[in-house]
Amino acid sequence: MPWRGPRDLDIYGWHFIPGARAPHEDRMFAFSPEVGRSITWDRKSPGNGTPDPAQVNALLARIEQFGRGEIHITRYELTTAKDNTPVGIKWMDFVARLSWPASSEPR
């Protein structure tokens, strides 16, 4: 789960161009209801503007302890510009699987 570059839950048409350095049909992610509540971080650190990797990794580990998900994109159609360059996603079908601890109470 990268904290820089294309992320699995950000889905854009250019991800499906052959040779694109981005996630394709299979995507994995972690989630937690505490994100934005007790799990927060300022993406800009003083100085160079880059988050401290150790702090980001610690927060990601807390998120991963709660839940994980997978998305498998089964079919899609890209929109194109006048020069036939893919620019977006017209539609997409996918299958998603989520898992979280049985001890978690619904909110």
PDB file of N, CA and C in Angstrom:
ATOM      1  N   MET A   1       0.849  -1.166   0.000  1.00  0.00           N
ATOM      2  CA  MET A   1       0.000   0.000   0.000  1.00  0.00           C
ATOM      3  C   MET A   1       0.899   1.235   0.000  1.00  0.00           C
ATOM      4  N   PRO A   2       1.070   1.864  -1.125  1.00  0.00           N
ATOM      5  CA  PRO A   2       1.997   2.995  -1.181  1.00  0.00           C
ATOM      6  C   PRO A   2       1.420   4.240  -0.531  1.00  0.00           C
ATOM      7  N   TRP A   3       2.274   5.058   0.050  1.00  0.00           N
ATOM      8  CA  TRP A   3       1.819   6.346   0.548  1.00  0.00           C
ATOM      9  C   TRP A   3       2.242   7.458  -0.403  1.00  0.00           C
ATOM     10  N   ARG A   4       2.868   7.074  -1.507  1.00  0.00           N
ATOM     11  CA  ARG A   4       3.210   8.008  -2.583  1.00  0.00           C
ATOM     12  C   ARG A   4       2.812   7.356  -3.889  1.00  0.00           C
ATOM     13  N   GLY A   5       2.500   8.148  -4.884  1.00  0.00           N
ATOM     14  CA  GLY A   5       2.174   7.618  -6.195  1.00  0.00           C
ATOM     15  C   GLY A   5       0.737   7.139  -6.279  1.00  0.00           C
ATOM     16  N   PRO A   6       0.387   6.495  -7.401  1.00  0.00           N
ATOM     17  CA  PRO A   6      -0.990   6.028  -7.586  1.00  0.00           C
ATOM     18  C   PRO A   6      -1.394   5.040  -6.495  1.00  0.00           C
ATOM     19  N   ARG A   7      -2.576   5.244  -5.946  1.00  0.00           N
ATOM     20  CA  ARG A   7      -3.104   4.366  -4.906  1.00  0.00           C
ATOM     21  C   ARG A   7      -4.186   3.460  -5.491  1.00  0.00           C
ATOM     22  N   ASP A   8      -4.378   2.312  -4.868  1.00  0.00           N
ATOM     23  CA  ASP A   8      -5.317   1.328  -5.385  1.00  0.00           C
ATOM     24  C   ASP A   8      -6.761   1.814  -5.447  1.00  0.00           C
ATOM     25  N   LEU A   9      -7.153   2.731  -4.587  1.00  0.00           N
ATOM     26  CA  LEU A   9      -8.537   3.203  -4.602  1.00  0.00           C
ATOM     27  C   LEU A   9      -8.749   4.426  -5.485  1.00  0.00           C
ATOM     28  N   ASP A  10      -7.702   4.983  -6.011  1.00  0.00           N
ATOM     29  CA  ASP A  10      -7.821   6.058  -7.004  1.00  0.00           C
ATOM     30  C   ASP A  10      -7.804   5.383  -8.365  1.00  0.00           C
ATOM     31  N   ILE A  11      -8.937   5.379  -9.053  1.00  0.00           N
ATOM     32  CA  ILE A  11      -9.047   4.655 -10.315  1.00  0.00           C
ATOM     33  C   ILE A  11      -9.262   5.660 -11.442  1.00  0.00           C
ATOM     34  N   TYR A  12      -8.320   5.701 -12.377  1.00  0.00           N
ATOM     35  CA  TYR A  12      -8.373   6.613 -13.522  1.00  0.00           C
ATOM     36  C   TYR A  12      -8.199   5.822 -14.813  1.00  0.00           C
ATOM     37  N   GLY A  13      -8.691   6.356 -15.893  1.00  0.00           N
ATOM     38  CA  GLY A  13      -8.585   5.695 -17.187  1.00  0.00           C
ATOM     39  C   GLY A  13      -7.157   5.403 -17.602  1.00  0.00           C
ATOM     40  N   TRP A  14      -6.238   6.303 -17.311  1.00  0.00           N
ATOM     41  CA  TRP A  14      -4.854   6.096 -17.752  1.00  0.00           C
ATOM     42  C   TRP A  14      -4.212   4.891 -17.079  1.00  0.00           C
ATOM     43  N   HIS A  15      -4.776   4.416 -15.955  1.00  0.00           N
ATOM     44  CA  HIS A  15      -4.235   3.223 -15.297  1.00  0.00           C
ATOM     45  C   HIS A  15      -4.315   1.995 -16.190  1.00  0.00           C
ATOM     46  N   PHE A  16      -5.225   1.991 -17.162  1.00  0.00           N
ATOM     47  CA  PHE A  16      -5.462   0.814 -17.991  1.00  0.00           C
ATOM     48  C   PHE A  16      -4.770   0.892 -19.347  1.00  0.00           C
ATOM     49  N   ILE A  17      -3.959   1.901 -19.536  1.00  0.00           N
ATOM     50  CA  ILE A  17      -3.160   2.001 -20.755  1.00  0.00           C
ATOM     51  C   ILE A  17      -2.000   1.007 -20.617  1.00  0.00           C
ATOM     52  N   PRO A  18      -1.752   0.176 -21.634  1.00  0.00           N
ATOM     53  CA  PRO A  18      -0.634  -0.776 -21.540  1.00  0.00           C
ATOM     54  C   PRO A  18       0.672  -0.069 -21.168  1.00  0.00           C
ATOM     55  N   GLY A  19       1.368  -0.624 -20.194  1.00  0.00           N
ATOM     56  CA  GLY A  19       2.641  -0.060 -19.758  1.00  0.00           C
ATOM     57  C   GLY A  19       2.522   1.012 -18.692  1.00  0.00           C
ATOM     58  N   ALA A  20       1.295   1.376 -18.300  1.00  0.00           N
ATOM     59  CA  ALA A  20       1.125   2.413 -17.266  1.00  0.00           C
ATOM     60  C   ALA A  20       1.682   1.907 -15.943  1.00  0.00           C
ATOM     61  N   ARG A  21       2.385   2.770 -15.258  1.00  0.00           N
ATOM     62  CA  ARG A  21       2.934   2.413 -13.943  1.00  0.00           C
ATOM     63  C   ARG A  21       1.906   2.785 -12.883  1.00  0.00           C
ATOM     64  N   ALA A  22       0.855   1.969 -12.830  1.00  0.00           N
ATOM     65  CA  ALA A  22      -0.260   2.218 -11.918  1.00  0.00           C
ATOM     66  C   ALA A  22      -0.957   0.892 -11.646  1.00  0.00           C
ATOM     67  N   PRO A  23      -1.782   0.863 -10.600  1.00  0.00           N
ATOM     68  CA  PRO A  23      -2.552  -0.356 -10.356  1.00  0.00           C
ATOM     69  C   PRO A  23      -3.456  -0.654 -11.552  1.00  0.00           C
ATOM     70  N   HIS A  24      -3.692  -1.927 -11.812  1.00  0.00           N
ATOM     71  CA  HIS A  24      -4.567  -2.315 -12.925  1.00  0.00           C
ATOM     72  C   HIS A  24      -5.847  -2.935 -12.367  1.00  0.00           C
ATOM     73  N   GLU A  25      -6.202  -4.150 -12.796  1.00  0.00           N
ATOM     74  CA  GLU A  25      -7.486  -4.747 -12.439  1.00  0.00           C
ATOM     75  C   GLU A  25      -7.593  -5.210 -10.987  1.00  0.00           C
ATOM     76  N   ASP A  26      -6.511  -5.694 -10.408  1.00  0.00           N
ATOM     77  CA  ASP A  26      -6.552  -6.198  -9.034  1.00  0.00           C
ATOM     78  C   ASP A  26      -5.957  -5.168  -8.091  1.00  0.00           C
ATOM     79  N   ARG A  27      -6.743  -4.821  -7.065  1.00  0.00           N
ATOM     80  CA  ARG A  27      -6.325  -3.772  -6.139  1.00  0.00           C
ATOM     81  C   ARG A  27      -6.624  -4.209  -4.710  1.00  0.00           C
ATOM     82  N   MET A  28      -5.684  -3.953  -3.819  1.00  0.00           N
ATOM     83  CA  MET A  28      -5.856  -4.280  -2.408  1.00  0.00           C
ATOM     84  C   MET A  28      -5.736  -3.003  -1.595  1.00  0.00           C
ATOM     85  N   PHE A  29      -6.477  -2.948  -0.488  1.00  0.00           N
ATOM     86  CA  PHE A  29      -6.448  -1.753   0.348  1.00  0.00           C
ATOM     87  C   PHE A  29      -6.784  -2.123   1.782  1.00  0.00           C
ATOM     88  N   ALA A  30      -6.559  -1.189   2.682  1.00  0.00           N
ATOM     89  CA  ALA A  30      -6.911  -1.343   4.093  1.00  0.00           C
ATOM     90  C   ALA A  30      -7.852  -0.203   4.456  1.00  0.00           C
ATOM     91  N   PHE A  31      -8.669  -0.428   5.492  1.00  0.00           N
ATOM     92  CA  PHE A  31      -9.595   0.625   5.906  1.00  0.00           C
ATOM     93  C   PHE A  31      -9.856   0.526   7.402  1.00  0.00           C
ATOM     94  N   SER A  32     -10.325   1.619   7.959  1.00  0.00           N
ATOM     95  CA  SER A  32     -10.669   1.674   9.372  1.00  0.00           C
ATOM     96  C   SER A  32     -11.651   2.816   9.588  1.00  0.00           C
ATOM     97  N   PRO A  33     -12.662   2.613  10.437  1.00  0.00           N
ATOM     98  CA  PRO A  33     -13.575   3.711  10.745  1.00  0.00           C
ATOM     99  C   PRO A  33     -12.896   4.822  11.546  1.00  0.00           C
ATOM    100  N   GLU A  34     -11.694   4.572  12.031  1.00  0.00           N
ATOM    101  CA  GLU A  34     -10.977   5.575  12.810  1.00  0.00           C
ATOM    102  C   GLU A  34     -10.207   6.572  11.946  1.00  0.00           C
ATOM    103  N   VAL A  35     -10.102   6.292  10.643  1.00  0.00           N
ATOM    104  CA  VAL A  35      -9.425   7.248   9.755  1.00  0.00           C
ATOM    105  C   VAL A  35     -10.232   8.545   9.743  1.00  0.00           C
ATOM    106  N   GLY A  36      -9.550   9.637  10.015  1.00  0.00           N
ATOM    107  CA  GLY A  36     -10.206  10.934  10.098  1.00  0.00           C
ATOM    108  C   GLY A  36     -10.680  11.259  11.497  1.00  0.00           C
ATOM    109  N   ARG A  37     -10.637  10.279  12.384  1.00  0.00           N
ATOM    110  CA  ARG A  37     -11.009  10.492  13.782  1.00  0.00           C
ATOM    111  C   ARG A  37      -9.740  10.419  14.622  1.00  0.00           C
ATOM    112  N   SER A  38      -9.420   9.215  15.131  1.00  0.00           N
ATOM    113  CA  SER A  38      -8.207   9.084  15.938  1.00  0.00           C
ATOM    114  C   SER A  38      -6.976   8.808  15.078  1.00  0.00           C
ATOM    115  N   ILE A  39      -7.182   8.445  13.817  1.00  0.00           N
ATOM    116  CA  ILE A  39      -6.055   8.227  12.908  1.00  0.00           C
ATOM    117  C   ILE A  39      -6.060   9.366  11.895  1.00  0.00           C
ATOM    118  N   THR A  40      -5.160  10.302  12.080  1.00  0.00           N
ATOM    119  CA  THR A  40      -5.039  11.437  11.166  1.00  0.00           C
ATOM    120  C   THR A  40      -3.569  11.763  10.985  1.00  0.00           C
ATOM    121  N   TRP A  41      -3.259  12.448   9.927  1.00  0.00           N
ATOM    122  CA  TRP A  41      -1.915  12.972   9.759  1.00  0.00           C
ATOM    123  C   TRP A  41      -1.965  14.125   8.790  1.00  0.00           C
ATOM    124  N   ASP A  42      -1.057  15.035   9.014  1.00  0.00           N
ATOM    125  CA  ASP A  42      -0.901  16.162   8.110  1.00  0.00           C
ATOM    126  C   ASP A  42       0.061  15.704   7.040  1.00  0.00           C
ATOM    127  N   ARG A  43      -0.366  15.736   5.786  1.00  0.00           N
ATOM    128  CA  ARG A  43       0.469  15.226   4.701  1.00  0.00           C
ATOM    129  C   ARG A  43       1.703  16.099   4.458  1.00  0.00           C
ATOM    130  N   LYS A  44       1.750  17.277   5.058  1.00  0.00           N
ATOM    131  CA  LYS A  44       2.918  18.138   4.846  1.00  0.00           C
ATOM    132  C   LYS A  44       3.693  18.274   6.141  1.00  0.00           C
ATOM    133  N   SER A  45       4.931  17.908   6.067  1.00  0.00           N
ATOM    134  CA  SER A  45       5.808  18.069   7.214  1.00  0.00           C
ATOM    135  C   SER A  45       6.573  19.372   7.071  1.00  0.00           C
ATOM    136  N   PRO A  46       6.952  19.976   8.182  1.00  0.00           N
ATOM    137  CA  PRO A  46       7.773  21.180   8.080  1.00  0.00           C
ATOM    138  C   PRO A  46       9.072  20.870   7.333  1.00  0.00           C
ATOM    139  N   GLY A  47       9.527  21.797   6.578  1.00  0.00           N
ATOM    140  CA  GLY A  47      10.795  21.584   5.859  1.00  0.00           C
ATOM    141  C   GLY A  47      10.557  21.170   4.429  1.00  0.00           C
ATOM    142  N   ASN A  48      10.769  19.884   4.124  1.00  0.00           N
ATOM    143  CA  ASN A  48      10.727  19.441   2.729  1.00  0.00           C
ATOM    144  C   ASN A  48       9.332  19.103   2.215  1.00  0.00           C
ATOM    145  N   GLY A  49       8.291  19.153   3.054  1.00  0.00           N
ATOM    146  CA  GLY A  49       6.938  18.883   2.599  1.00  0.00           C
ATOM    147  C   GLY A  49       6.621  17.411   2.407  1.00  0.00           C
ATOM    148  N   THR A  50       7.541  16.521   2.785  1.00  0.00           N
ATOM    149  CA  THR A  50       7.326  15.082   2.637  1.00  0.00           C
ATOM    150  C   THR A  50       6.961  14.497   3.993  1.00  0.00           C
ATOM    151  N   PRO A  51       5.904  13.661   4.045  1.00  0.00           N
ATOM    152  CA  PRO A  51       5.565  13.043   5.332  1.00  0.00           C
ATOM    153  C   PRO A  51       6.695  12.145   5.818  1.00  0.00           C
ATOM    154  N   ASP A  52       6.833  12.032   7.115  1.00  0.00           N
ATOM    155  CA  ASP A  52       7.841  11.163   7.701  1.00  0.00           C
ATOM    156  C   ASP A  52       7.415   9.709   7.452  1.00  0.00           C
ATOM    157  N   PRO A  53       8.196   8.935   6.695  1.00  0.00           N
ATOM    158  CA  PRO A  53       7.807   7.560   6.365  1.00  0.00           C
ATOM    159  C   PRO A  53       7.529   6.686   7.587  1.00  0.00           C
ATOM    160  N   ALA A  54       8.269   6.843   8.654  1.00  0.00           N
ATOM    161  CA  ALA A  54       8.051   6.018   9.850  1.00  0.00           C
ATOM    162  C   ALA A  54       6.676   6.305  10.453  1.00  0.00           C
ATOM    163  N   GLN A  55       6.287   7.580  10.502  1.00  0.00           N
ATOM    164  CA  GLN A  55       4.974   7.935  11.047  1.00  0.00           C
ATOM    165  C   GLN A  55       3.859   7.434  10.132  1.00  0.00           C
ATOM    166  N   VAL A  56       4.031   7.580   8.839  1.00  0.00           N
ATOM    167  CA  VAL A  56       3.028   7.116   7.887  1.00  0.00           C
ATOM    168  C   VAL A  56       2.886   5.598   7.987  1.00  0.00           C
ATOM    169  N   ASN A  57       3.985   4.876   8.045  1.00  0.00           N
ATOM    170  CA  ASN A  57       3.935   3.419   8.149  1.00  0.00           C
ATOM    171  C   ASN A  57       3.249   2.973   9.441  1.00  0.00           C
ATOM    172  N   ALA A  58       3.467   3.690  10.536  1.00  0.00           N
ATOM    173  CA  ALA A  58       2.810   3.347  11.802  1.00  0.00           C
ATOM    174  C   ALA A  58       1.299   3.548  11.685  1.00  0.00           C
ATOM    175  N   LEU A  59       0.873   4.634  11.038  1.00  0.00           N
ATOM    176  CA  LEU A  59      -0.559   4.867  10.860  1.00  0.00           C
ATOM    177  C   LEU A  59      -1.171   3.837   9.914  1.00  0.00           C
ATOM    178  N   LEU A  60      -0.459   3.498   8.849  1.00  0.00           N
ATOM    179  CA  LEU A  60      -0.966   2.476   7.929  1.00  0.00           C
ATOM    180  C   LEU A  60      -1.104   1.128   8.638  1.00  0.00           C
ATOM    181  N   ALA A  61      -0.178   0.803   9.524  1.00  0.00           N
ATOM    182  CA  ALA A  61      -0.256  -0.458  10.265  1.00  0.00           C
ATOM    183  C   ALA A  61      -1.499  -0.474  11.156  1.00  0.00           C
ATOM    184  N   ARG A  62      -1.834   0.660  11.775  1.00  0.00           N
ATOM    185  CA  ARG A  62      -3.047   0.739  12.598  1.00  0.00           C
ATOM    186  C   ARG A  62      -4.291   0.544  11.737  1.00  0.00           C
ATOM    187  N   ILE A  63      -4.289   1.122  10.551  1.00  0.00           N
ATOM    188  CA  ILE A  63      -5.432   0.973   9.649  1.00  0.00           C
ATOM    189  C   ILE A  63      -5.573  -0.485   9.217  1.00  0.00           C
ATOM    190  N   GLU A  64      -4.460  -1.107   8.854  1.00  0.00           N
ATOM    191  CA  GLU A  64      -4.477  -2.500   8.396  1.00  0.00           C
ATOM    192  C   GLU A  64      -4.946  -3.459   9.482  1.00  0.00           C
ATOM    193  N   GLN A  65      -4.764  -3.096  10.762  1.00  0.00           N
ATOM    194  CA  GLN A  65      -5.220  -3.963  11.844  1.00  0.00           C
ATOM    195  C   GLN A  65      -6.736  -4.073  11.864  1.00  0.00           C
ATOM    196  N   PHE A  66      -7.440  -3.076  11.347  1.00  0.00           N
ATOM    197  CA  PHE A  66      -8.896  -3.123  11.382  1.00  0.00           C
ATOM    198  C   PHE A  66      -9.470  -3.933  10.224  1.00  0.00           C
ATOM    199  N   GLY A  67      -9.224  -3.502   9.013  1.00  0.00           N
ATOM    200  CA  GLY A  67      -9.872  -4.186   7.898  1.00  0.00           C
ATOM    201  C   GLY A  67      -9.071  -4.115   6.616  1.00  0.00           C
ATOM    202  N   ARG A  68      -9.381  -5.072   5.742  1.00  0.00           N
ATOM    203  CA  ARG A  68      -8.726  -5.140   4.440  1.00  0.00           C
ATOM    204  C   ARG A  68      -9.783  -5.354   3.373  1.00  0.00           C
ATOM    205  N   GLY A  69      -9.443  -4.938   2.175  1.00  0.00           N
ATOM    206  CA  GLY A  69     -10.362  -5.123   1.066  1.00  0.00           C
ATOM    207  C   GLY A  69      -9.615  -5.420  -0.208  1.00  0.00           C
ATOM    208  N   GLU A  70     -10.342  -6.010  -1.127  1.00  0.00           N
ATOM    209  CA  GLU A  70      -9.812  -6.296  -2.458  1.00  0.00           C
ATOM    210  C   GLU A  70     -10.860  -5.871  -3.478  1.00  0.00           C
ATOM    211  N   ILE A  71     -10.420  -5.300  -4.557  1.00  0.00           N
ATOM    212  CA  ILE A  71     -11.291  -4.978  -5.687  1.00  0.00           C
ATOM    213  C   ILE A  71     -10.698  -5.674  -6.903  1.00  0.00           C
ATOM    214  N   HIS A  72     -11.556  -6.370  -7.634  1.00  0.00           N
ATOM    215  CA  HIS A  72     -11.140  -6.964  -8.904  1.00  0.00           C
ATOM    216  C   HIS A  72     -12.029  -6.355  -9.979  1.00  0.00           C
ATOM    217  N   ILE A  73     -11.435  -5.578 -10.870  1.00  0.00           N
ATOM    218  CA  ILE A  73     -12.172  -4.937 -11.959  1.00  0.00           C
ATOM    219  C   ILE A  73     -12.323  -5.966 -13.069  1.00  0.00           C
ATOM    220  N   THR A  74     -13.564  -6.299 -13.390  1.00  0.00           N
ATOM    221  CA  THR A  74     -13.828  -7.375 -14.349  1.00  0.00           C
ATOM    222  C   THR A  74     -14.011  -6.864 -15.774  1.00  0.00           C
ATOM    223  N   ARG A  75     -14.619  -5.703 -15.930  1.00  0.00           N
ATOM    224  CA  ARG A  75     -14.827  -5.122 -17.263  1.00  0.00           C
ATOM    225  C   ARG A  75     -14.877  -3.604 -17.134  1.00  0.00           C
ATOM    226  N   TYR A  76     -14.510  -2.922 -18.200  1.00  0.00           N
ATOM    227  CA  TYR A  76     -14.575  -1.462 -18.199  1.00  0.00           C
ATOM    228  C   TYR A  76     -14.545  -0.966 -19.636  1.00  0.00           C
ATOM    229  N   GLU A  77     -14.974   0.274 -19.784  1.00  0.00           N
ATOM    230  CA  GLU A  77     -14.853   0.947 -21.080  1.00  0.00           C
ATOM    231  C   GLU A  77     -14.288   2.335 -20.818  1.00  0.00           C
ATOM    232  N   LEU A  78     -13.250   2.671 -21.564  1.00  0.00           N
ATOM    233  CA  LEU A  78     -12.619   3.980 -21.410  1.00  0.00           C
ATOM    234  C   LEU A  78     -13.247   4.986 -22.368  1.00  0.00           C
ATOM    235  N   THR A  79     -13.294   6.234 -21.944  1.00  0.00           N
ATOM    236  CA  THR A  79     -13.668   7.311 -22.862  1.00  0.00           C
ATOM    237  C   THR A  79     -12.399   7.730 -23.588  1.00  0.00           C
ATOM    238  N   THR A  80     -12.537   8.335 -24.732  1.00  0.00           N
ATOM    239  CA  THR A  80     -11.360   8.735 -25.500  1.00  0.00           C
ATOM    240  C   THR A  80     -11.489  10.167 -25.979  1.00  0.00           C
ATOM    241  N   ALA A  81     -10.338  10.769 -26.194  1.00  0.00           N
ATOM    242  CA  ALA A  81     -10.282  12.113 -26.769  1.00  0.00           C
ATOM    243  C   ALA A  81     -10.355  11.985 -28.292  1.00  0.00           C
ATOM    244  N   LYS A  82     -10.359  13.105 -28.992  1.00  0.00           N
ATOM    245  CA  LYS A  82     -10.439  13.083 -30.456  1.00  0.00           C
ATOM    246  C   LYS A  82      -9.294  12.319 -31.097  1.00  0.00           C
ATOM    247  N   ASP A  83      -8.135  12.272 -30.426  1.00  0.00           N
ATOM    248  CA  ASP A  83      -6.991  11.542 -30.982  1.00  0.00           C
ATOM    249  C   ASP A  83      -6.949  10.083 -30.503  1.00  0.00           C
ATOM    250  N   ASN A  84      -8.064   9.578 -29.952  1.00  0.00           N
ATOM    251  CA  ASN A  84      -8.193   8.215 -29.431  1.00  0.00           C
ATOM    252  C   ASN A  84      -7.333   7.936 -28.198  1.00  0.00           C
ATOM    253  N   THR A  85      -6.906   8.963 -27.504  1.00  0.00           N
ATOM    254  CA  THR A  85      -6.161   8.806 -26.267  1.00  0.00           C
ATOM    255  C   THR A  85      -7.147   8.547 -25.128  1.00  0.00           C
ATOM    256  N   PRO A  86      -6.965   7.459 -24.339  1.00  0.00           N
ATOM    257  CA  PRO A  86      -7.865   7.222 -23.207  1.00  0.00           C
ATOM    258  C   PRO A  86      -7.781   8.361 -22.196  1.00  0.00           C
ATOM    259  N   VAL A  87      -8.934   8.885 -21.800  1.00  0.00           N
ATOM    260  CA  VAL A  87      -8.941  10.001 -20.850  1.00  0.00           C
ATOM    261  C   VAL A  87      -9.778   9.730 -19.606  1.00  0.00           C
ATOM    262  N   GLY A  88     -10.629   8.743 -19.633  1.00  0.00           N
ATOM    263  CA  GLY A  88     -11.469   8.496 -18.474  1.00  0.00           C
ATOM    264  C   GLY A  88     -12.115   7.125 -18.537  1.00  0.00           C
ATOM    265  N   ILE A  89     -12.950   6.872 -17.557  1.00  0.00           N
ATOM    266  CA  ILE A  89     -13.672   5.605 -17.491  1.00  0.00           C
ATOM    267  C   ILE A  89     -15.145   5.898 -17.751  1.00  0.00           C
ATOM    268  N   LYS A  90     -15.693   5.286 -18.772  1.00  0.00           N
ATOM    269  CA  LYS A  90     -17.106   5.456 -19.102  1.00  0.00           C
ATOM    270  C   LYS A  90     -17.962   4.623 -18.148  1.00  0.00           C
ATOM    271  N   TRP A  91     -17.568   3.371 -17.918  1.00  0.00           N
ATOM    272  CA  TRP A  91     -18.235   2.491 -16.964  1.00  0.00           C
ATOM    273  C   TRP A  91     -17.261   1.395 -16.543  1.00  0.00           C
ATOM    274  N   MET A  92     -17.615   0.729 -15.435  1.00  0.00           N
ATOM    275  CA  MET A  92     -16.759  -0.346 -14.950  1.00  0.00           C
ATOM    276  C   MET A  92     -17.592  -1.294 -14.095  1.00  0.00           C
ATOM    277  N   ASP A  93     -17.320  -2.591 -14.236  1.00  0.00           N
ATOM    278  CA  ASP A  93     -17.883  -3.624 -13.364  1.00  0.00           C
ATOM    279  C   ASP A  93     -16.752  -4.117 -12.476  1.00  0.00           C
ATOM    280  N   PHE A  94     -17.077  -4.423 -11.221  1.00  0.00           N
ATOM    281  CA  PHE A  94     -16.050  -4.920 -10.314  1.00  0.00           C
ATOM    282  C   PHE A  94     -16.663  -5.796  -9.248  1.00  0.00           C
ATOM    283  N   VAL A  95     -15.819  -6.582  -8.617  1.00  0.00           N
ATOM    284  CA  VAL A  95     -16.184  -7.405  -7.472  1.00  0.00           C
ATOM    285  C   VAL A  95     -15.333  -6.912  -6.314  1.00  0.00           C
ATOM    286  N   ALA A  96     -15.967  -6.716  -5.157  1.00  0.00           N
ATOM    287  CA  ALA A  96     -15.234  -6.255  -3.979  1.00  0.00           C
ATOM    288  C   ALA A  96     -15.405  -7.258  -2.844  1.00  0.00           C
ATOM    289  N   ARG A  97     -14.353  -7.412  -2.050  1.00  0.00           N
ATOM    290  CA  ARG A  97     -14.396  -8.269  -0.871  1.00  0.00           C
ATOM    291  C   ARG A  97     -13.818  -7.466   0.287  1.00  0.00           C
ATOM    292  N   LEU A  98     -14.551  -7.396   1.390  1.00  0.00           N
ATOM    293  CA  LEU A  98     -14.112  -6.692   2.584  1.00  0.00           C
ATOM    294  C   LEU A  98     -14.048  -7.666   3.745  1.00  0.00           C
ATOM    295  N   SER A  99     -13.072  -7.480   4.614  1.00  0.00           N
ATOM    296  CA  SER A  99     -12.999  -8.285   5.836  1.00  0.00           C
ATOM    297  C   SER A  99     -12.562  -7.391   6.991  1.00  0.00           C
ATOM    298  N   TRP A 100     -13.123  -7.670   8.168  1.00  0.00           N
ATOM    299  CA  TRP A 100     -12.779  -6.923   9.373  1.00  0.00           C
ATOM    300  C   TRP A 100     -13.029  -7.825  10.564  1.00  0.00           C
ATOM    301  N   PRO A 101     -12.519  -7.470  11.726  1.00  0.00           N
ATOM    302  CA  PRO A 101     -12.650  -8.330  12.901  1.00  0.00           C
ATOM    303  C   PRO A 101     -14.114  -8.564  13.285  1.00  0.00           C
ATOM    304  N   ALA A 102     -14.431  -9.791  13.649  1.00  0.00           N
ATOM    305  CA  ALA A 102     -15.796 -10.122  14.069  1.00  0.00           C
ATOM    306  C   ALA A 102     -16.179  -9.359  15.342  1.00  0.00           C
ATOM    307  N   SER A 103     -15.203  -8.936  16.107  1.00  0.00           N
ATOM    308  CA  SER A 103     -15.490  -8.241  17.360  1.00  0.00           C
ATOM    309  C   SER A 103     -15.929  -6.785  17.145  1.00  0.00           C
ATOM    310  N   SER A 104     -15.838  -6.276  15.936  1.00  0.00           N
ATOM    311  CA  SER A 104     -16.213  -4.889  15.667  1.00  0.00           C
ATOM    312  C   SER A 104     -17.726  -4.744  15.686  1.00  0.00           C
ATOM    313  N   GLU A 105     -18.182  -3.711  16.364  1.00  0.00           N
ATOM    314  CA  GLU A 105     -19.617  -3.445  16.438  1.00  0.00           C
ATOM    315  C   GLU A 105     -20.017  -2.527  15.284  1.00  0.00           C
ATOM    316  N   PRO A 106     -21.220  -2.732  14.722  1.00  0.00           N
ATOM    317  CA  PRO A 106     -21.691  -1.826  13.661  1.00  0.00           C
ATOM    318  C   PRO A 106     -21.854  -0.413  14.222  1.00  0.00           C
ATOM    319  N   ARG A 107     -21.650   0.574  13.358  1.00  0.00           N
ATOM    320  CA  ARG A 107     -21.788   1.986  13.778  1.00  0.00           C
ATOM    321  C   ARG A 107     -22.969   2.609  13.093  1.00  0.00           C
TER     322      ARG A 107
END
